């Protein structure tokens, strides 16, 4: 085993294994035990009794905390310790105090964290299936990609914690403090309980909320305290109902002057109103018409900066909103066919999120561009009535 513990009798006893450590501890007569900066990487601590022991800046990476007999970290103090890649099934951290500890990529199923206090701790990609967190404090903890399946967490404090890609299926969150927590890509089911939970400012998406049986036991007045994020609803508010007709009309109005120009020139060409020597290609004429702001399509190129810029802005915006309008109608069609809510959220579809955000910005830019574009179109000179 790699220890790096030194020649101190206390650490030598720990290096020798569970039985030696437990016997030495019982016979030492000491009431306080402090490990400072020790490298404990790779050791097997199965069944070691660490009740009340203090660990400061110790490295437990890749250690084994076997489940028979249970490892005892009850009432321990762990400050700035590394516990990454640990197999700690059924370990006991009851009433322990942990500060800035990193449990990333570890395995602690069925462990006891009841009444433990975690401050600024990292639990990234940790298996905590069936682990107990009753009355524990995980305030501001990073709980990304954590498996809390069937974990009892009654009266725990998760306020301001980061819960991202977390499995909460069958988890008991009764009386839990979830103030200012964001449920981002959280998995729940009908067995997830939230009876009496404090959910002020809890950010939760519509599908997650609907996946809970009877809102997880929450009262309706508590549900109203949540921030329910409905990304499909945001799309529908912007691109469905009366808004879809406004967008459709706007697209038609944007296309109309260019379409009418093309049709008009095509009819002129079909009627033979142009001599072969004066003729230019229709595509060339359209490009000159656009670049000049609709004022010229003759032999020379005329660049009108303001109307051309307005055209480019309008073109980009109208393409984006045309795509978003199509996406919204496809999601609605899918929902009608399946008779189930569409599983759509921006957190899993970043491209659609960015398009939607850009469209909101372009909406205001386009309003100004449309005014400029319309003014230039209406200012085009036409022959007087013969």
Protein backbone atom coordinates (compact mmCIF):
# COMPACT_ATOMS: atom_id res chain seq x y z
CA UNK A 1 0.00 0.00 0.00
CA UNK A 2 1.10 3.54 -0.79
CA UNK A 3 0.93 5.56 2.38
CA UNK A 4 3.46 8.31 2.82
CA UNK A 5 2.43 8.47 6.47
CA UNK A 6 5.77 8.68 8.17
CA UNK A 7 7.04 7.11 11.43
CA UNK A 8 4.48 8.50 13.88
CA UNK A 9 3.00 5.59 15.94
CA UNK A 10 -0.52 6.78 15.13
CA UNK A 11 -0.05 6.77 11.40
CA UNK A 12 2.04 3.61 11.49
CA UNK A 13 -0.85 1.85 13.22
CA UNK A 14 -3.23 3.11 10.55
CA UNK A 15 -0.90 1.90 7.81
CA UNK A 16 -0.86 -1.59 9.34
CA UNK A 17 -4.57 -2.12 8.77
CA UNK A 18 -7.96 -2.10 10.47
CA UNK A 19 -7.28 -4.41 13.40
CA UNK A 20 -3.95 -2.78 14.33
CA UNK A 21 -5.43 0.71 14.09
CA UNK A 22 -8.54 -0.09 16.09
CA UNK A 23 -6.54 -1.90 18.81
CA UNK A 24 -3.97 0.92 19.01
CA UNK A 25 -6.72 3.51 19.22
CA UNK A 26 -8.51 1.67 22.07
CA UNK A 27 -5.28 1.28 24.05
CA UNK A 28 -3.74 4.70 23.37
CA UNK A 29 -5.84 6.59 25.89
CA UNK A 30 -5.92 9.55 23.49
CA UNK A 31 -9.10 11.55 23.06
CA UNK A 32 -8.09 13.55 19.98
CA UNK A 33 -6.53 12.33 16.75
CA UNK A 34 -5.31 14.66 14.01
CA UNK A 35 -3.93 13.73 10.59
CA UNK A 36 -2.43 16.71 8.76
CA UNK A 37 -1.39 16.59 5.12
CA UNK A 38 -0.97 12.82 5.04
CA UNK A 39 -1.08 10.92 1.75
CA UNK A 40 -3.41 7.98 2.40
CA UNK A 41 -3.92 7.11 -1.26
CA UNK A 42 -4.79 3.51 -2.07
CA UNK A 43 -5.12 2.23 1.53
CA UNK A 44 -7.85 -0.18 2.65
CA UNK A 45 -9.77 1.37 5.54
CA UNK A 46 -12.50 -1.26 5.68
CA UNK A 47 -13.93 -1.28 9.20
CA UNK A 48 -11.52 1.32 10.62
CA UNK A 49 -12.94 3.34 13.49
CA UNK A 50 -12.37 7.05 12.79
CA UNK A 51 -15.04 8.39 15.13
CA UNK A 52 -14.12 11.96 16.11
CA UNK A 53 -10.84 11.95 14.16
CA UNK A 54 -9.74 15.16 12.40
CA UNK A 55 -8.27 15.05 8.89
CA UNK A 56 -6.77 18.18 7.38
CA UNK A 57 -5.62 18.28 3.74
CA UNK A 58 -5.33 14.49 3.58
CA UNK A 59 -5.42 12.49 0.38
CA UNK A 60 -7.85 9.51 0.41
CA UNK A 61 -7.89 9.08 -3.37
CA UNK A 62 -8.65 5.53 -4.55
CA UNK A 63 -8.93 4.20 -1.01
CA UNK A 64 -11.25 1.33 -0.14
CA UNK A 65 -13.91 1.77 2.52
CA UNK A 66 -15.38 -1.74 2.61
CA UNK A 67 -18.88 -2.38 3.82
CA UNK A 68 -18.21 -5.31 6.21
CA UNK A 69 -17.81 -4.18 8.90
CA UNK A 70 -18.91 -0.61 8.31
CA UNK A 71 -16.35 2.16 8.24
CA UNK A 72 -16.87 4.74 10.95
CA UNK A 73 -16.36 8.45 10.20
CA UNK A 74 -18.99 9.48 12.73
CA UNK A 75 -18.39 12.96 14.21
CA UNK A 76 -15.23 13.34 12.11
CA UNK A 77 -13.85 16.66 10.87
CA UNK A 78 -12.50 16.59 7.31
CA UNK A 79 -11.07 19.83 5.93
CA UNK A 80 -9.88 20.18 2.32
CA UNK A 81 -9.51 16.42 1.89
CA UNK A 82 -9.45 14.57 -1.42
CA UNK A 83 -11.77 11.53 -1.49
CA UNK A 84 -11.89 10.94 -5.24
CA UNK A 85 -12.36 7.52 -6.79
CA UNK A 86 -13.29 5.88 -3.49
CA UNK A 87 -15.29 2.70 -3.01
CA UNK A 88 -17.13 3.51 0.20
CA UNK A 89 -20.27 1.38 0.18
CA UNK A 90 -22.18 1.64 3.47
CA UNK A 91 -19.62 3.99 5.00
CA UNK A 92 -20.74 6.02 8.01
CA UNK A 93 -20.24 9.80 8.00
CA UNK A 94 -23.03 10.52 10.46
CA UNK A 95 -22.74 13.97 12.11
CA UNK A 96 -19.40 14.54 10.37
CA UNK A 97 -18.26 18.04 9.44
CA UNK A 98 -16.72 18.36 5.99
CA UNK A 99 -15.27 21.52 4.44
CA UNK A 100 -14.04 21.83 0.83
CA UNK A 101 -13.80 18.05 0.38
CA UNK A 102 -13.88 16.45 -3.06
CA UNK A 103 -15.86 13.19 -3.44
CA UNK A 104 -15.79 13.19 -7.25
CA UNK A 105 -16.06 9.87 -9.12
CA UNK A 106 -16.65 7.92 -5.92
CA UNK A 107 -19.04 5.16 -4.94
CA UNK A 108 -20.98 5.49 -1.65
CA UNK A 109 -24.21 3.47 -2.05
CA UNK A 110 -26.12 2.79 1.15
CA UNK A 111 -23.83 5.05 3.19
CA UNK A 112 -24.92 7.05 6.22
CA UNK A 113 -24.51 10.84 5.92
CA UNK A 114 -27.27 11.68 8.38
CA UNK A 115 -26.79 15.04 10.13
CA UNK A 116 -23.48 15.58 8.32
CA UNK A 117 -22.57 19.17 7.43
CA UNK A 118 -21.01 19.71 4.00
CA UNK A 119 -19.64 23.14 3.12
CA UNK A 120 -18.39 23.87 -0.42
CA UNK A 121 -17.95 20.16 -1.14
CA UNK A 122 -17.77 18.55 -4.59
CA UNK A 123 -19.95 15.54 -5.43
CA UNK A 124 -19.40 15.24 -9.19
CA UNK A 125 -20.32 11.86 -10.72
CA UNK A 126 -20.86 10.16 -7.37
CA UNK A 127 -23.05 7.12 -6.78
CA UNK A 128 -25.13 7.77 -3.66
CA UNK A 129 -27.89 5.30 -4.41
CA UNK A 130 -29.78 4.52 -1.21
CA UNK A 131 -27.43 6.71 0.87
CA UNK A 132 -29.04 8.49 3.82
CA UNK A 133 -28.86 12.28 4.08
CA UNK A 134 -31.54 12.89 6.68
CA UNK A 135 -31.04 16.26 8.43
CA UNK A 136 -27.78 16.72 6.50
CA UNK A 137 -26.63 20.13 5.26
CA UNK A 138 -25.40 20.38 1.67
CA UNK A 139 -25.70 24.13 1.36
CA UNK A 140 -23.98 25.37 -1.84
CA UNK A 141 -22.60 21.90 -2.61
CA UNK A 142 -21.83 20.90 -6.21
CA UNK A 143 -24.01 17.84 -6.87
CA UNK A 144 -23.51 17.42 -10.62
CA UNK A 145 -24.15 14.00 -12.20
CA UNK A 146 -25.01 12.42 -8.83
CA UNK A 147 -27.17 9.33 -8.36
CA UNK A 148 -29.55 9.93 -5.42
CA UNK A 149 -31.93 7.13 -6.42
CA UNK A 150 -34.00 5.91 -3.45
CA UNK A 151 -31.93 8.09 -1.09
CA UNK A 152 -33.80 9.33 2.01
CA UNK A 153 -32.98 13.04 2.49
CA UNK A 154 -35.68 14.08 4.95
CA UNK A 155 -35.15 17.54 6.46
CA UNK A 156 -31.88 18.02 4.57
CA UNK A 157 -30.69 21.46 3.48
CA UNK A 158 -29.90 21.76 -0.25
CA UNK A 159 -30.29 25.53 -0.45
CA UNK A 160 -28.21 27.13 -3.25
CA UNK A 161 -26.75 23.72 -4.16
CA UNK A 162 -26.01 22.85 -7.79
CA UNK A 163 -28.14 19.90 -8.94
CA UNK A 164 -27.35 19.18 -12.57
CA UNK A 165 -27.90 15.83 -14.31
CA UNK A 166 -28.99 14.36 -10.97
CA UNK A 167 -31.04 11.18 -10.54
CA UNK A 168 -33.72 11.76 -7.89
CA UNK A 169 -35.94 8.80 -8.78
CA UNK A 170 -37.52 7.42 -5.62
CA UNK A 171 -35.66 9.99 -3.52
CA UNK A 172 -37.44 11.20 -0.37
CA UNK A 173 -37.06 15.01 -0.26
CA UNK A 174 -39.73 15.56 2.40
CA UNK A 175 -39.20 18.71 4.47
CA UNK A 176 -36.05 19.45 2.46
CA UNK A 177 -34.86 23.04 1.96
CA UNK A 178 -34.58 23.57 -1.81
CA UNK A 179 -34.47 27.36 -1.73
CA UNK A 180 -32.81 28.89 -4.81
CA UNK A 181 -31.90 25.46 -6.21
CA UNK A 182 -31.94 24.82 -9.95
CA UNK A 183 -33.19 21.42 -11.11
CA UNK A 184 -31.27 21.22 -14.41
CA UNK A 185 -31.78 17.95 -16.31
CA UNK A 186 -32.97 16.26 -13.11
CA UNK A 187 -34.63 12.83 -13.32
CA UNK A 188 -37.64 12.17 -11.08
CA UNK A 189 -40.53 9.71 -11.08
CA UNK A 190 -43.80 9.04 -9.32
CA UNK A 191 -41.96 7.79 -6.22
CA UNK A 192 -40.01 11.02 -5.69
CA UNK A 193 -41.42 12.73 -2.59
CA UNK A 194 -41.29 16.45 -1.77
CA UNK A 195 -43.89 16.63 0.99
CA UNK A 196 -43.47 19.84 2.98
CA UNK A 197 -40.30 20.85 1.12
CA UNK A 198 -39.31 24.51 1.03
CA UNK A 199 -39.25 25.36 -2.67
CA UNK A 200 -39.06 29.16 -2.73
CA UNK A 201 -37.26 30.11 -5.94
CA UNK A 202 -36.70 26.48 -6.98
CA UNK A 203 -36.11 26.45 -10.75
CA UNK A 204 -37.74 23.42 -12.30
CA UNK A 205 -38.76 22.64 -15.87
CA UNK A 206 -42.35 21.79 -16.80
CA UNK A 207 -41.70 18.15 -17.73
CA UNK A 208 -39.87 17.43 -14.46
CA UNK A 209 -42.75 18.91 -12.47
CA UNK A 210 -45.30 16.88 -14.45
CA UNK A 211 -43.27 13.69 -13.84
CA UNK A 212 -43.90 13.99 -10.10
CA UNK A 213 -46.99 12.20 -8.81
CA UNK A 214 -49.32 14.89 -7.46
CA UNK A 215 -46.40 17.37 -7.49
CA UNK A 216 -44.47 15.06 -5.15
CA UNK A 217 -46.96 15.80 -2.39
CA UNK A 218 -46.45 19.57 -2.51
CA UNK A 219 -49.37 21.86 -1.86
CA UNK A 220 -50.43 24.01 -4.80
CA UNK A 221 -49.47 27.19 -2.99
CA UNK A 222 -45.91 25.80 -2.74
CA UNK A 223 -45.87 25.01 -6.47
CA UNK A 224 -46.66 28.67 -7.16
CA UNK A 225 -43.45 29.61 -5.31
CA UNK A 226 -41.36 27.75 -7.87
CA UNK A 227 -39.92 29.19 -11.04
CA UNK A 228 -41.36 26.76 -13.60
CA UNK A 229 -39.31 26.88 -16.76
CA UNK A 230 -41.29 25.91 -19.82
CA UNK A 231 -39.07 26.13 -22.88
CA UNK A 232 -41.73 24.77 -25.23
CA UNK A 233 -44.15 27.27 -23.73
CA UNK A 234 -41.65 30.06 -24.44
CA UNK A 235 -41.47 28.94 -28.06
CA UNK A 236 -45.25 28.75 -28.33
CA UNK A 237 -45.73 32.18 -26.80
CA UNK A 238 -43.38 33.62 -29.41
CA UNK A 239 -44.34 31.52 -32.45
CA UNK A 240 -47.82 30.08 -31.94
CA UNK A 241 -51.37 31.40 -31.71
CA UNK A 242 -51.80 34.91 -33.05
CA UNK A 243 -47.99 35.33 -33.04
CA UNK A 244 -47.63 32.71 -35.80
CA UNK A 245 -49.84 34.76 -38.11
CA UNK A 246 -47.93 37.93 -37.31
CA UNK A 247 -44.68 36.17 -38.16
CA UNK A 248 -46.17 34.64 -41.32
CA UNK A 249 -47.46 38.04 -42.46
CA UNK A 250 -44.10 39.65 -41.69
CA UNK A 251 -42.31 37.00 -43.75
CA UNK A 252 -44.67 37.63 -46.66
CA UNK A 253 -44.19 41.41 -46.42
CA UNK A 254 -40.42 40.95 -46.35
CA UNK A 255 -40.43 38.70 -49.40
CA UNK A 256 -43.10 40.67 -51.31
CA UNK A 257 -41.00 43.50 -52.84
CA UNK A 258 -38.36 41.10 -54.11
CA UNK A 259 -40.91 38.58 -55.35
CA UNK A 260 -42.91 41.31 -57.10
CA UNK A 261 -39.73 42.67 -58.70
CA UNK A 262 -38.79 39.22 -59.99
CA UNK A 263 -42.29 38.56 -61.36
CA UNK A 264 -42.49 41.99 -62.95
CA UNK A 265 -39.15 41.60 -64.71
CA UNK A 266 -40.01 38.07 -65.79
CA UNK A 267 -43.27 39.26 -67.37
CA UNK A 268 -41.38 42.04 -69.15
CA UNK A 269 -38.92 39.52 -70.52
CA UNK A 270 -41.74 37.22 -71.65
CA UNK A 271 -43.47 40.07 -73.48
CA UNK A 272 -40.27 40.96 -75.31
CA UNK A 273 -40.11 44.50 -73.95
CA UNK A 274 -36.31 44.42 -73.77
CA UNK A 275 -33.82 44.30 -76.65
CA UNK A 276 -31.17 41.60 -76.53
CA UNK A 277 -28.40 44.18 -76.28
CA UNK A 278 -29.95 45.81 -73.20
CA UNK A 279 -30.89 42.60 -71.41
CA UNK A 280 -29.15 41.40 -68.23
CA UNK A 281 -29.74 38.17 -66.37
CA UNK A 282 -32.62 38.12 -63.90
CA UNK A 283 -30.27 36.99 -61.12
CA UNK A 284 -27.92 39.90 -61.82
CA UNK A 285 -30.83 42.32 -61.78
CA UNK A 286 -32.10 40.97 -58.44
CA UNK A 287 -28.66 41.35 -56.84
CA UNK A 288 -28.33 44.94 -58.10
CA UNK A 289 -31.87 45.65 -56.93
CA UNK A 290 -30.99 44.43 -53.40
CA UNK A 291 -27.59 46.12 -53.18
CA UNK A 292 -28.99 49.44 -54.38
CA UNK A 293 -31.84 49.33 -51.92
CA UNK A 294 -34.36 48.85 -54.74
CA UNK A 295 -33.39 52.01 -56.63
CA UNK A 296 -31.42 50.59 -59.57
CA UNK A 297 -30.67 47.43 -61.50
CA UNK A 298 -28.93 49.00 -64.46
CA UNK A 299 -25.50 48.24 -65.90
CA UNK A 300 -23.61 49.92 -63.02
CA UNK A 301 -23.56 48.64 -59.48
CA UNK A 302 -24.91 51.15 -56.94
CA UNK A 303 -24.37 50.32 -53.30
CA UNK A 304 -26.81 51.88 -50.83
CA UNK A 305 -25.26 51.16 -47.43
CA UNK A 306 -28.23 51.82 -45.14
CA UNK A 307 -30.95 49.93 -47.04
CA UNK A 308 -28.60 47.06 -47.88
CA UNK A 309 -27.65 46.72 -44.20
CA UNK A 310 -31.34 46.76 -43.33
CA UNK A 311 -31.93 44.01 -45.88
CA UNK A 312 -29.16 41.81 -44.42
CA UNK A 313 -30.47 42.25 -40.88
CA UNK A 314 -34.01 41.52 -42.03
CA UNK A 315 -32.90 38.49 -44.02
CA UNK A 316 -31.03 36.94 -41.07
CA UNK A 317 -33.89 37.58 -38.68
CA UNK A 318 -36.55 36.28 -41.02
CA UNK A 319 -34.60 33.10 -41.72
CA UNK A 320 -34.18 32.52 -37.97
CA UNK A 321 -37.81 33.13 -37.14
CA UNK A 322 -38.93 31.06 -40.12
CA UNK A 323 -36.91 28.12 -38.75
CA UNK A 324 -38.23 28.67 -35.21
CA UNK A 325 -41.79 28.92 -36.51
CA UNK A 326 -41.31 25.59 -38.30
CA UNK A 327 -39.80 23.98 -35.17
CA UNK A 328 -42.67 25.18 -33.00
CA UNK A 329 -45.29 23.78 -35.35
CA UNK A 330 -43.41 20.44 -35.55
CA UNK A 331 -43.35 20.17 -31.74
CA UNK A 332 -47.06 20.98 -31.57
CA UNK A 333 -47.77 18.39 -34.27
CA UNK A 334 -45.74 15.79 -32.35
CA UNK A 335 -47.65 16.62 -29.16
CA UNK A 336 -51.01 16.25 -30.93
CA UNK A 337 -50.04 12.93 -32.51
CA UNK A 338 -48.67 11.36 -29.31
CA UNK A 339 -51.19 13.04 -27.00
CA UNK A 340 -48.26 13.56 -24.62
CA UNK A 341 -46.19 16.66 -23.77
CA UNK A 342 -43.24 17.13 -26.10
CA UNK A 343 -39.94 16.35 -24.43
CA UNK A 344 -38.18 19.57 -25.37
CA UNK A 345 -35.98 21.87 -23.36
CA UNK A 346 -33.26 24.32 -24.28
CA UNK A 347 -30.72 22.82 -21.87
CA UNK A 348 -30.53 19.69 -24.05
CA UNK A 349 -30.90 21.55 -27.36
CA UNK A 350 -28.33 24.33 -27.20
CA UNK A 351 -28.60 25.20 -30.88
CA UNK A 352 -32.30 25.98 -30.54
CA UNK A 353 -31.61 27.95 -27.35
CA UNK A 354 -29.05 30.15 -29.11
CA UNK A 355 -31.36 30.66 -32.09
CA UNK A 356 -34.19 31.65 -29.78
CA UNK A 357 -32.01 34.11 -27.84
CA UNK A 358 -30.67 35.62 -31.07
CA UNK A 359 -34.22 35.96 -32.39
CA UNK A 360 -35.21 38.00 -29.32
CA UNK A 361 -32.35 40.42 -29.94
CA UNK A 362 -33.03 40.59 -33.67
CA UNK A 363 -36.69 41.33 -33.01
CA UNK A 364 -35.83 44.82 -31.80
CA UNK A 365 -33.08 45.33 -34.36
CA UNK A 366 -35.46 44.20 -37.07
CA UNK A 367 -38.13 46.69 -35.99
CA UNK A 368 -35.74 49.51 -36.78
CA UNK A 369 -34.55 47.81 -39.98
CA UNK A 370 -38.13 47.30 -41.19
CA UNK A 371 -38.88 50.99 -40.80
CA UNK A 372 -35.79 51.92 -42.83
CA UNK A 373 -36.48 49.21 -45.40
CA UNK A 374 -40.13 50.29 -45.80
CA UNK A 375 -39.23 53.96 -46.17
CA UNK A 376 -36.75 53.18 -48.94
CA UNK A 377 -39.22 50.92 -50.71
CA UNK A 378 -41.93 53.57 -50.65
CA UNK A 379 -39.41 56.14 -51.88
CA UNK A 380 -38.68 54.23 -55.12
CA UNK A 381 -39.36 56.44 -58.13
CA UNK A 382 -42.00 55.19 -60.55
CA UNK A 383 -43.11 56.55 -63.91
CA UNK A 384 -46.04 59.00 -63.76
CA UNK A 385 -49.41 57.90 -64.94
CA UNK A 386 -49.39 58.25 -68.75
